[in-house]
Amino acid sequence: MTDHILVERQGAIQIIRMNRPDKKNALTRAMYAKMSAALAEGDADPAIRVHVFFGVS
């Protein structure tokens, strides 16, 4: 199974990519849970200043 949510950090930026282009990046419950967890982790890290969301096409 392909990971539908990809999370990476570049300095003070946390990038969250939705990687489900075959379904136009429609969210599943699992994707929502992973995005929520990534946001919580980023919010808890004082080094992260911004969250950026992308959808892979």
Foldseek 3Di string as FASTA:
>chain_A
DDDQWDWDDDFQEIEIEGEDVVVPSDDDPVNVVVVVVSVVVSVVDPRHDYYHYYYDD
